[in-house]
Amino acid sequence: MAEFLAAAALFVLASVALGLVRLLRGPSAADRMMAAQLLGTGGAAICLLLAATQGIDAIADVALTLALLAALAAAALSLVPRRAGPEGER
């Protein structure tokens, strides 16, 4: 079972790596924020899988912290006003 959880963690890590590419090349702020959300959730998923594999409860606390920070980052982005476009429209 531990091998399966480790393989799942590697799969999630590959998904997060693809999200990192989107974070760096995202055409808009919304794309970048969604990629940052993926990094936070994927990091939390990896931590939870490793906590189950290794049996270390402290890693689960790190996962909860990552999930909370990702949610706060999304809420902070929604509070930032958008910049006007080329014609001055919002």
PDB file of N, CA and C in Angstrom:
ATOM      1  N   MET A   1       0.826  -1.197   0.000  1.00  0.00           N
ATOM      2  CA  MET A   1       0.000   0.000   0.000  1.00  0.00           C
ATOM      3  C   MET A   1       0.869   1.260   0.000  1.00  0.00           C
ATOM      4  N   ALA A   2       1.994   1.196   0.700  1.00  0.00           N
ATOM      5  CA  ALA A   2       2.876   2.360   0.761  1.00  0.00           C
ATOM      6  C   ALA A   2       3.444   2.690  -0.619  1.00  0.00           C
ATOM      7  N   GLU A   3       3.688   1.655  -1.441  1.00  0.00           N
ATOM      8  CA  GLU A   3       4.210   1.898  -2.786  1.00  0.00           C
ATOM      9  C   GLU A   3       3.172   2.609  -3.650  1.00  0.00           C
ATOM     10  N   PHE A   4       1.921   2.216  -3.490  1.00  0.00           N
ATOM     11  CA  PHE A   4       0.850   2.868  -4.251  1.00  0.00           C
ATOM     12  C   PHE A   4       0.715   4.334  -3.859  1.00  0.00           C
ATOM     13  N   LEU A   5       0.776   4.635  -2.556  1.00  0.00           N
ATOM     14  CA  LEU A   5       0.667   6.024  -2.102  1.00  0.00           C
ATOM     15  C   LEU A   5       1.858   6.850  -2.571  1.00  0.00           C
ATOM     16  N   ALA A   6       3.044   6.250  -2.578  1.00  0.00           N
ATOM     17  CA  ALA A   6       4.222   6.962  -3.081  1.00  0.00           C
ATOM     18  C   ALA A   6       4.093   7.231  -4.578  1.00  0.00           C
ATOM     19  N   ALA A   7       3.553   6.266  -5.331  1.00  0.00           N
ATOM     20  CA  ALA A   7       3.339   6.473  -6.764  1.00  0.00           C
ATOM     21  C   ALA A   7       2.290   7.559  -7.002  1.00  0.00           C
ATOM     22  N   ALA A   8       1.258   7.592  -6.180  1.00  0.00           N
ATOM     23  CA  ALA A   8       0.238   8.647  -6.301  1.00  0.00           C
ATOM     24  C   ALA A   8       0.845  10.007  -6.002  1.00  0.00           C
ATOM     25  N   ALA A   9       1.745  10.065  -5.016  1.00  0.00           N
ATOM     26  CA  ALA A   9       2.418  11.326  -4.702  1.00  0.00           C
ATOM     27  C   ALA A   9       3.276  11.783  -5.873  1.00  0.00           C
ATOM     28  N   LEU A  10       3.942  10.861  -6.549  1.00  0.00           N
ATOM     29  CA  LEU A  10       4.736  11.227  -7.730  1.00  0.00           C
ATOM     30  C   LEU A  10       3.853  11.716  -8.874  1.00  0.00           C
ATOM     31  N   PHE A  11       2.681  11.102  -9.030  1.00  0.00           N
ATOM     32  CA  PHE A  11       1.741  11.560 -10.059  1.00  0.00           C
ATOM     33  C   PHE A  11       1.250  12.976  -9.765  1.00  0.00           C
ATOM     34  N   VAL A  12       0.921  13.240  -8.519  1.00  0.00           N
ATOM     35  CA  VAL A  12       0.476  14.588  -8.139  1.00  0.00           C
ATOM     36  C   VAL A  12       1.614  15.585  -8.317  1.00  0.00           C
ATOM     37  N   LEU A  13       2.831  15.172  -8.013  1.00  0.00           N
ATOM     38  CA  LEU A  13       3.994  16.035  -8.197  1.00  0.00           C
ATOM     39  C   LEU A  13       4.189  16.401  -9.663  1.00  0.00           C
ATOM     40  N   ALA A  14       3.968  15.445 -10.559  1.00  0.00           N
ATOM     41  CA  ALA A  14       4.054  15.732 -11.994  1.00  0.00           C
ATOM     42  C   ALA A  14       2.971  16.724 -12.411  1.00  0.00           C
ATOM     43  N   SER A  15       1.782  16.583 -11.862  1.00  0.00           N
ATOM     44  CA  SER A  15       0.696  17.515 -12.152  1.00  0.00           C
ATOM     45  C   SER A  15       1.026  18.919 -11.661  1.00  0.00           C
ATOM     46  N   VAL A  16       1.625  18.992 -10.487  1.00  0.00           N
ATOM     47  CA  VAL A  16       2.012  20.291  -9.935  1.00  0.00           C
ATOM     48  C   VAL A  16       3.117  20.925 -10.782  1.00  0.00           C
ATOM     49  N   ALA A  17       4.023  20.102 -11.317  1.00  0.00           N
ATOM     50  CA  ALA A  17       5.081  20.624 -12.179  1.00  0.00           C
ATOM     51  C   ALA A  17       4.496  21.235 -13.450  1.00  0.00           C
ATOM     52  N   LEU A  18       3.476  20.608 -14.006  1.00  0.00           N
ATOM     53  CA  LEU A  18       2.810  21.192 -15.171  1.00  0.00           C
ATOM     54  C   LEU A  18       2.095  22.491 -14.795  1.00  0.00           C
ATOM     55  N   GLY A  19       1.551  22.548 -13.599  1.00  0.00           N
ATOM     56  CA  GLY A  19       0.929  23.792 -13.135  1.00  0.00           C
ATOM     57  C   GLY A  19       1.942  24.901 -12.948  1.00  0.00           C
ATOM     58  N   LEU A  20       3.160  24.540 -12.597  1.00  0.00           N
ATOM     59  CA  LEU A  20       4.217  25.543 -12.450  1.00  0.00           C
ATOM     60  C   LEU A  20       4.539  26.188 -13.794  1.00  0.00           C
ATOM     61  N   VAL A  21       4.481  25.399 -14.856  1.00  0.00           N
ATOM     62  CA  VAL A  21       4.685  25.959 -16.195  1.00  0.00           C
ATOM     63  C   VAL A  21       3.597  26.978 -16.498  1.00  0.00           C
ATOM     64  N   ARG A  22       2.360  26.659 -16.152  1.00  0.00           N
ATOM     65  CA  ARG A  22       1.257  27.597 -16.388  1.00  0.00           C
ATOM     66  C   ARG A  22       1.410  28.847 -15.526  1.00  0.00           C
ATOM     67  N   LEU A  23       1.927  28.668 -14.334  1.00  0.00           N
ATOM     68  CA  LEU A  23       2.142  29.803 -13.444  1.00  0.00           C
ATOM     69  C   LEU A  23       3.150  30.763 -14.045  1.00  0.00           C
ATOM     70  N   LEU A  24       4.185  30.238 -14.659  1.00  0.00           N
ATOM     71  CA  LEU A  24       5.219  31.092 -15.234  1.00  0.00           C
ATOM     72  C   LEU A  24       4.815  31.696 -16.564  1.00  0.00           C
ATOM     73  N   ARG A  25       3.988  30.985 -17.350  1.00  0.00           N
ATOM     74  CA  ARG A  25       3.643  31.456 -18.685  1.00  0.00           C
ATOM     75  C   ARG A  25       2.202  31.916 -18.821  1.00  0.00           C
ATOM     76  N   GLY A  26       1.450  31.961 -17.739  1.00  0.00           N
ATOM     77  CA  GLY A  26       0.030  32.294 -17.808  1.00  0.00           C
ATOM     78  C   GLY A  26      -0.224  33.642 -18.457  1.00  0.00           C
ATOM     79  N   PRO A  27      -1.165  33.698 -19.386  1.00  0.00           N
ATOM     80  CA  PRO A  27      -1.406  34.976 -20.058  1.00  0.00           C
ATOM     81  C   PRO A  27      -2.129  36.006 -19.179  1.00  0.00           C
ATOM     82  N   SER A  28      -2.865  35.553 -18.197  1.00  0.00           N
ATOM     83  CA  SER A  28      -3.601  36.522 -17.378  1.00  0.00           C
ATOM     84  C   SER A  28      -3.372  36.233 -15.896  1.00  0.00           C
ATOM     85  N   ALA A  29      -3.775  37.197 -15.094  1.00  0.00           N
ATOM     86  CA  ALA A  29      -3.623  37.038 -13.648  1.00  0.00           C
ATOM     87  C   ALA A  29      -4.511  35.911 -13.119  1.00  0.00           C
ATOM     88  N   ALA A  30      -5.662  35.714 -13.731  1.00  0.00           N
ATOM     89  CA  ALA A  30      -6.559  34.637 -13.293  1.00  0.00           C
ATOM     90  C   ALA A  30      -5.936  33.264 -13.561  1.00  0.00           C
ATOM     91  N   ASP A  31      -5.271  33.111 -14.713  1.00  0.00           N
ATOM     92  CA  ASP A  31      -4.597  31.845 -15.005  1.00  0.00           C
ATOM     93  C   ASP A  31      -3.484  31.581 -14.006  1.00  0.00           C
ATOM     94  N   ARG A  32      -2.753  32.621 -13.682  1.00  0.00           N
ATOM     95  CA  ARG A  32      -1.665  32.469 -12.715  1.00  0.00           C
ATOM     96  C   ARG A  32      -2.201  32.143 -11.323  1.00  0.00           C
ATOM     97  N   MET A  33      -3.317  32.738 -10.951  1.00  0.00           N
ATOM     98  CA  MET A  33      -3.879  32.463  -9.634  1.00  0.00           C
ATOM     99  C   MET A  33      -4.402  31.036  -9.551  1.00  0.00           C
ATOM    100  N   MET A  34      -5.013  30.562 -10.624  1.00  0.00           N
ATOM    101  CA  MET A  34      -5.490  29.179 -10.628  1.00  0.00           C
ATOM    102  C   MET A  34      -4.320  28.201 -10.562  1.00  0.00           C
ATOM    103  N   ALA A  35      -3.206  28.540 -11.214  1.00  0.00           N
ATOM    104  CA  ALA A  35      -2.017  27.689 -11.127  1.00  0.00           C
ATOM    105  C   ALA A  35      -1.443  27.714  -9.711  1.00  0.00           C
ATOM    106  N   ALA A  36      -1.491  28.874  -9.063  1.00  0.00           N
ATOM    107  CA  ALA A  36      -1.029  28.953  -7.674  1.00  0.00           C
ATOM    108  C   ALA A  36      -1.941  28.135  -6.757  1.00  0.00           C
ATOM    109  N   GLN A  37      -3.233  28.130  -7.046  1.00  0.00           N
ATOM    110  CA  GLN A  37      -4.163  27.289  -6.289  1.00  0.00           C
ATOM    111  C   GLN A  37      -3.815  25.811  -6.472  1.00  0.00           C
ATOM    112  N   LEU A  38      -3.470  25.445  -7.717  1.00  0.00           N
ATOM    113  CA  LEU A  38      -3.073  24.064  -7.978  1.00  0.00           C
ATOM    114  C   LEU A  38      -1.817  23.701  -7.205  1.00  0.00           C
ATOM    115  N   LEU A  39      -0.862  24.630  -7.133  1.00  0.00           N
ATOM    116  CA  LEU A  39       0.354  24.370  -6.371  1.00  0.00           C
ATOM    117  C   LEU A  39       0.047  24.166  -4.885  1.00  0.00           C
ATOM    118  N   GLY A  40      -0.832  24.977  -4.346  1.00  0.00           N
ATOM    119  CA  GLY A  40      -1.193  24.833  -2.938  1.00  0.00           C
ATOM    120  C   GLY A  40      -1.935  23.543  -2.650  1.00  0.00           C
ATOM    121  N   THR A  41      -2.897  23.220  -3.519  1.00  0.00           N
ATOM    122  CA  THR A  41      -3.670  21.992  -3.288  1.00  0.00           C
ATOM    123  C   THR A  41      -2.846  20.748  -3.589  1.00  0.00           C
ATOM    124  N   GLY A  42      -2.043  20.820  -4.630  1.00  0.00           N
ATOM    125  CA  GLY A  42      -1.181  19.681  -4.950  1.00  0.00           C
ATOM    126  C   GLY A  42      -0.135  19.453  -3.873  1.00  0.00           C
ATOM    127  N   GLY A  43       0.413  20.543  -3.339  1.00  0.00           N
ATOM    128  CA  GLY A  43       1.369  20.411  -2.243  1.00  0.00           C
ATOM    129  C   GLY A  43       0.733  19.800  -1.009  1.00  0.00           C
ATOM    130  N   ALA A  44      -0.498  20.211  -0.733  1.00  0.00           N
ATOM    131  CA  ALA A  44      -1.212  19.627   0.408  1.00  0.00           C
ATOM    132  C   ALA A  44      -1.494  18.147   0.172  1.00  0.00           C
ATOM    133  N   ALA A  45      -1.861  17.792  -1.068  1.00  0.00           N
ATOM    134  CA  ALA A  45      -2.129  16.386  -1.379  1.00  0.00           C
ATOM    135  C   ALA A  45      -0.864  15.541  -1.246  1.00  0.00           C
ATOM    136  N   ILE A  46       0.256  16.076  -1.716  1.00  0.00           N
ATOM    137  CA  ILE A  46       1.521  15.353  -1.593  1.00  0.00           C
ATOM    138  C   ILE A  46       1.887  15.169  -0.129  1.00  0.00           C
ATOM    139  N   CYS A  47       1.706  16.212   0.663  1.00  0.00           N
ATOM    140  CA  CYS A  47       2.012  16.104   2.092  1.00  0.00           C
ATOM    141  C   CYS A  47       1.125  15.067   2.780  1.00  0.00           C
ATOM    142  N   LEU A  48      -0.154  15.043   2.433  1.00  0.00           N
ATOM    143  CA  LEU A  48      -1.054  14.064   3.044  1.00  0.00           C
ATOM    144  C   LEU A  48      -0.706  12.632   2.625  1.00  0.00           C
ATOM    145  N   LEU A  49      -0.330  12.462   1.357  1.00  0.00           N
ATOM    146  CA  LEU A  49       0.074  11.133   0.913  1.00  0.00           C
ATOM    147  C   LEU A  49       1.356  10.687   1.604  1.00  0.00           C
ATOM    148  N   LEU A  50       2.294  11.607   1.757  1.00  0.00           N
ATOM    149  CA  LEU A  50       3.533  11.251   2.459  1.00  0.00           C
ATOM    150  C   LEU A  50       3.286  11.005   3.938  1.00  0.00           C
ATOM    151  N   ALA A  51       2.350  11.742   4.528  1.00  0.00           N
ATOM    152  CA  ALA A  51       2.027  11.511   5.944  1.00  0.00           C
ATOM    153  C   ALA A  51       1.436  10.116   6.135  1.00  0.00           C
ATOM    154  N   ALA A  52       0.602   9.692   5.187  1.00  0.00           N
ATOM    155  CA  ALA A  52       0.029   8.353   5.281  1.00  0.00           C
ATOM    156  C   ALA A  52       1.089   7.278   5.037  1.00  0.00           C
ATOM    157  N   THR A  53       2.021   7.573   4.137  1.00  0.00           N
ATOM    158  CA  THR A  53       3.073   6.604   3.833  1.00  0.00           C
ATOM    159  C   THR A  53       4.066   6.475   4.976  1.00  0.00           C
ATOM    160  N   GLN A  54       4.519   7.611   5.500  1.00  0.00           N
ATOM    161  CA  GLN A  54       5.564   7.619   6.521  1.00  0.00           C
ATOM    162  C   GLN A  54       5.022   7.469   7.938  1.00  0.00           C
ATOM    163  N   GLY A  55       3.764   7.797   8.132  1.00  0.00           N
ATOM    164  CA  GLY A  55       3.175   7.713   9.470  1.00  0.00           C
ATOM    165  C   GLY A  55       3.569   8.869  10.377  1.00  0.00           C
ATOM    166  N   ILE A  56       3.917  10.009   9.797  1.00  0.00           N
ATOM    167  CA  ILE A  56       4.307  11.183  10.573  1.00  0.00           C
ATOM    168  C   ILE A  56       3.131  12.167  10.557  1.00  0.00           C
ATOM    169  N   ASP A  57       2.568  12.422  11.719  1.00  0.00           N
ATOM    170  CA  ASP A  57       1.389  13.285  11.804  1.00  0.00           C
ATOM    171  C   ASP A  57       1.704  14.754  11.556  1.00  0.00           C
ATOM    172  N   ALA A  58       2.929  15.172  11.787  1.00  0.00           N
ATOM    173  CA  ALA A  58       3.284  16.576  11.606  1.00  0.00           C
ATOM    174  C   ALA A  58       3.195  16.999  10.146  1.00  0.00           C
ATOM    175  N   ILE A  59       3.381  16.054   9.230  1.00  0.00           N
ATOM    176  CA  ILE A  59       3.271  16.386   7.808  1.00  0.00           C
ATOM    177  C   ILE A  59       1.823  16.743   7.460  1.00  0.00           C
ATOM    178  N   ALA A  60       0.870  16.153   8.117  1.00  0.00           N
ATOM    179  CA  ALA A  60      -0.540  16.487   7.892  1.00  0.00           C
ATOM    180  C   ALA A  60      -0.821  17.922   8.335  1.00  0.00           C
ATOM    181  N   ASP A  61      -0.159  18.376   9.397  1.00  0.00           N
ATOM    182  CA  ASP A  61      -0.321  19.763   9.820  1.00  0.00           C
ATOM    183  C   ASP A  61       0.238  20.725   8.777  1.00  0.00           C
ATOM    184  N   VAL A  62       1.344  20.352   8.162  1.00  0.00           N
ATOM    185  CA  VAL A  62       1.915  21.168   7.081  1.00  0.00           C
ATOM    186  C   VAL A  62       0.947  21.227   5.908  1.00  0.00           C
ATOM    187  N   ALA A  63       0.284  20.117   5.603  1.00  0.00           N
ATOM    188  CA  ALA A  63      -0.685  20.083   4.505  1.00  0.00           C
ATOM    189  C   ALA A  63      -1.862  21.018   4.782  1.00  0.00           C
ATOM    190  N   LEU A  64      -2.348  21.014   6.013  1.00  0.00           N
ATOM    191  CA  LEU A  64      -3.446  21.921   6.362  1.00  0.00           C
ATOM    192  C   LEU A  64      -3.023  23.378   6.249  1.00  0.00           C
ATOM    193  N   THR A  65      -1.796  23.668   6.624  1.00  0.00           N
ATOM    194  CA  THR A  65      -1.286  25.030   6.513  1.00  0.00           C
ATOM    195  C   THR A  65      -1.177  25.456   5.048  1.00  0.00           C
ATOM    196  N   LEU A  66      -0.682  24.569   4.188  1.00  0.00           N
ATOM    197  CA  LEU A  66      -0.596  24.882   2.757  1.00  0.00           C
ATOM    198  C   LEU A  66      -1.977  25.127   2.156  1.00  0.00           C
ATOM    199  N   ALA A  67      -2.946  24.326   2.516  1.00  0.00           N
ATOM    200  CA  ALA A  67      -4.302  24.503   1.994  1.00  0.00           C
ATOM    201  C   ALA A  67      -4.900  25.831   2.460  1.00  0.00           C
ATOM    202  N   LEU A  68      -4.647  26.194   3.702  1.00  0.00           N
ATOM    203  CA  LEU A  68      -5.148  27.460   4.223  1.00  0.00           C
ATOM    204  C   LEU A  68      -4.489  28.640   3.522  1.00  0.00           C
ATOM    205  N   LEU A  69      -3.191  28.572   3.306  1.00  0.00           N
ATOM    206  CA  LEU A  69      -2.493  29.655   2.616  1.00  0.00           C
ATOM    207  C   LEU A  69      -2.960  29.796   1.168  1.00  0.00           C
ATOM    208  N   ALA A  70      -3.232  28.693   0.499  1.00  0.00           N
ATOM    209  CA  ALA A  70      -3.726  28.755  -0.875  1.00  0.00           C
ATOM    210  C   ALA A  70      -5.106  29.412  -0.924  1.00  0.00           C
ATOM    211  N   ALA A  71      -5.958  29.094   0.040  1.00  0.00           N
ATOM    212  CA  ALA A  71      -7.288  29.710   0.078  1.00  0.00           C
ATOM    213  C   ALA A  71      -7.191  31.204   0.383  1.00  0.00           C
ATOM    214  N   LEU A  72      -6.302  31.580   1.272  1.00  0.00           N
ATOM    215  CA  LEU A  72      -6.129  33.001   1.587  1.00  0.00           C
ATOM    216  C   LEU A  72      -5.561  33.771   0.402  1.00  0.00           C
ATOM    217  N   ALA A  73      -4.686  33.155  -0.358  1.00  0.00           N
ATOM    218  CA  ALA A  73      -4.139  33.810  -1.544  1.00  0.00           C
ATOM    219  C   ALA A  73      -5.230  34.060  -2.582  1.00  0.00           C
ATOM    220  N   ALA A  74      -6.127  33.110  -2.757  1.00  0.00           N
ATOM    221  CA  ALA A  74      -7.233  33.299  -3.699  1.00  0.00           C
ATOM    222  C   ALA A  74      -8.174  34.398  -3.225  1.00  0.00           C
ATOM    223  N   ALA A  75      -8.423  34.450  -1.932  1.00  0.00           N
ATOM    224  CA  ALA A  75      -9.282  35.510  -1.398  1.00  0.00           C
ATOM    225  C   ALA A  75      -8.609  36.876  -1.536  1.00  0.00           C
ATOM    226  N   ALA A  76      -7.306  36.925  -1.355  1.00  0.00           N
ATOM    227  CA  ALA A  76      -6.593  38.195  -1.504  1.00  0.00           C
ATOM    228  C   ALA A  76      -6.629  38.676  -2.945  1.00  0.00           C
ATOM    229  N   LEU A  77      -6.532  37.764  -3.910  1.00  0.00           N
ATOM    230  CA  LEU A  77      -6.596  38.173  -5.313  1.00  0.00           C
ATOM    231  C   LEU A  77      -7.966  38.731  -5.662  1.00  0.00           C
ATOM    232  N   SER A  78      -9.007  38.193  -5.067  1.00  0.00           N
ATOM    233  CA  SER A  78     -10.344  38.693  -5.385  1.00  0.00           C
ATOM    234  C   SER A  78     -10.579  40.091  -4.814  1.00  0.00           C
ATOM    235  N   LEU A  79      -9.790  40.500  -3.837  1.00  0.00           N
ATOM    236  CA  LEU A  79      -9.933  41.838  -3.268  1.00  0.00           C
ATOM    237  C   LEU A  79      -9.145  42.899  -4.023  1.00  0.00           C
ATOM    238  N   VAL A  80      -8.176  42.487  -4.830  1.00  0.00           N
ATOM    239  CA  VAL A  80      -7.352  43.438  -5.577  1.00  0.00           C
ATOM    240  C   VAL A  80      -8.167  43.956  -6.753  1.00  0.00           C
ATOM    241  N   PRO A  81      -8.267  45.285  -6.897  1.00  0.00           N
ATOM    242  CA  PRO A  81      -9.034  45.812  -8.036  1.00  0.00           C
ATOM    243  C   PRO A  81      -8.301  45.542  -9.352  1.00  0.00           C
ATOM    244  N   ARG A  82      -9.091  45.307 -10.392  1.00  0.00           N
ATOM    245  CA  ARG A  82      -8.500  45.062 -11.701  1.00  0.00           C
ATOM    246  C   ARG A  82      -8.059  46.356 -12.331  1.00  0.00           C
ATOM    247  N   ARG A  83      -7.002  46.256 -13.126  1.00  0.00           N
ATOM    248  CA  ARG A  83      -6.542  47.437 -13.854  1.00  0.00           C
ATOM    249  C   ARG A  83      -7.416  47.666 -15.076  1.00  0.00           C
ATOM    250  N   ALA A  84      -7.522  48.915 -15.473  1.00  0.00           N
ATOM    251  CA  ALA A  84      -8.329  49.253 -16.638  1.00  0.00           C
ATOM    252  C   ALA A  84      -7.650  48.738 -17.902  1.00  0.00           C
ATOM    253  N   GLY A  85      -8.449  48.381 -18.890  1.00  0.00           N
ATOM    254  CA  GLY A  85      -7.915  47.906 -20.161  1.00  0.00           C
ATOM    255  C   GLY A  85      -7.419  49.050 -21.007  1.00  0.00           C
ATOM    256  N   PRO A  86      -7.106  48.786 -22.282  1.00  0.00           N
ATOM    257  CA  PRO A  86      -6.579  49.835 -23.153  1.00  0.00           C
ATOM    258  C   PRO A  86      -7.546  50.982 -23.384  1.00  0.00           C
ATOM    259  N   GLU A  87      -8.859  50.703 -23.383  1.00  0.00           N
ATOM    260  CA  GLU A  87      -9.842  51.761 -23.591  1.00  0.00           C
ATOM    261  C   GLU A  87     -10.307  52.380 -22.282  1.00  0.00           C
ATOM    262  N   GLY A  88      -9.747  51.962 -21.183  1.00  0.00           N
ATOM    263  CA  GLY A  88     -10.139  52.519 -19.900  1.00  0.00           C
ATOM    264  C   GLY A  88     -11.365  51.865 -19.296  1.00  0.00           C
ATOM    265  N   GLU A  89     -11.834  50.748 -19.893  1.00  0.00           N
ATOM    266  CA  GLU A  89     -13.012  50.062 -19.369  1.00  0.00           C
ATOM    267  C   GLU A  89     -12.599  49.078 -18.286  1.00  0.00           C
ATOM    268  N   ARG A  90     -13.512  48.757 -17.420  1.00  0.00           N
ATOM    269  CA  ARG A  90     -13.253  47.768 -16.365  1.00  0.00           C
ATOM    270  C   ARG A  90     -14.010  46.518 -16.643  1.00  0.00           C
TER     271      ARG A  90
END
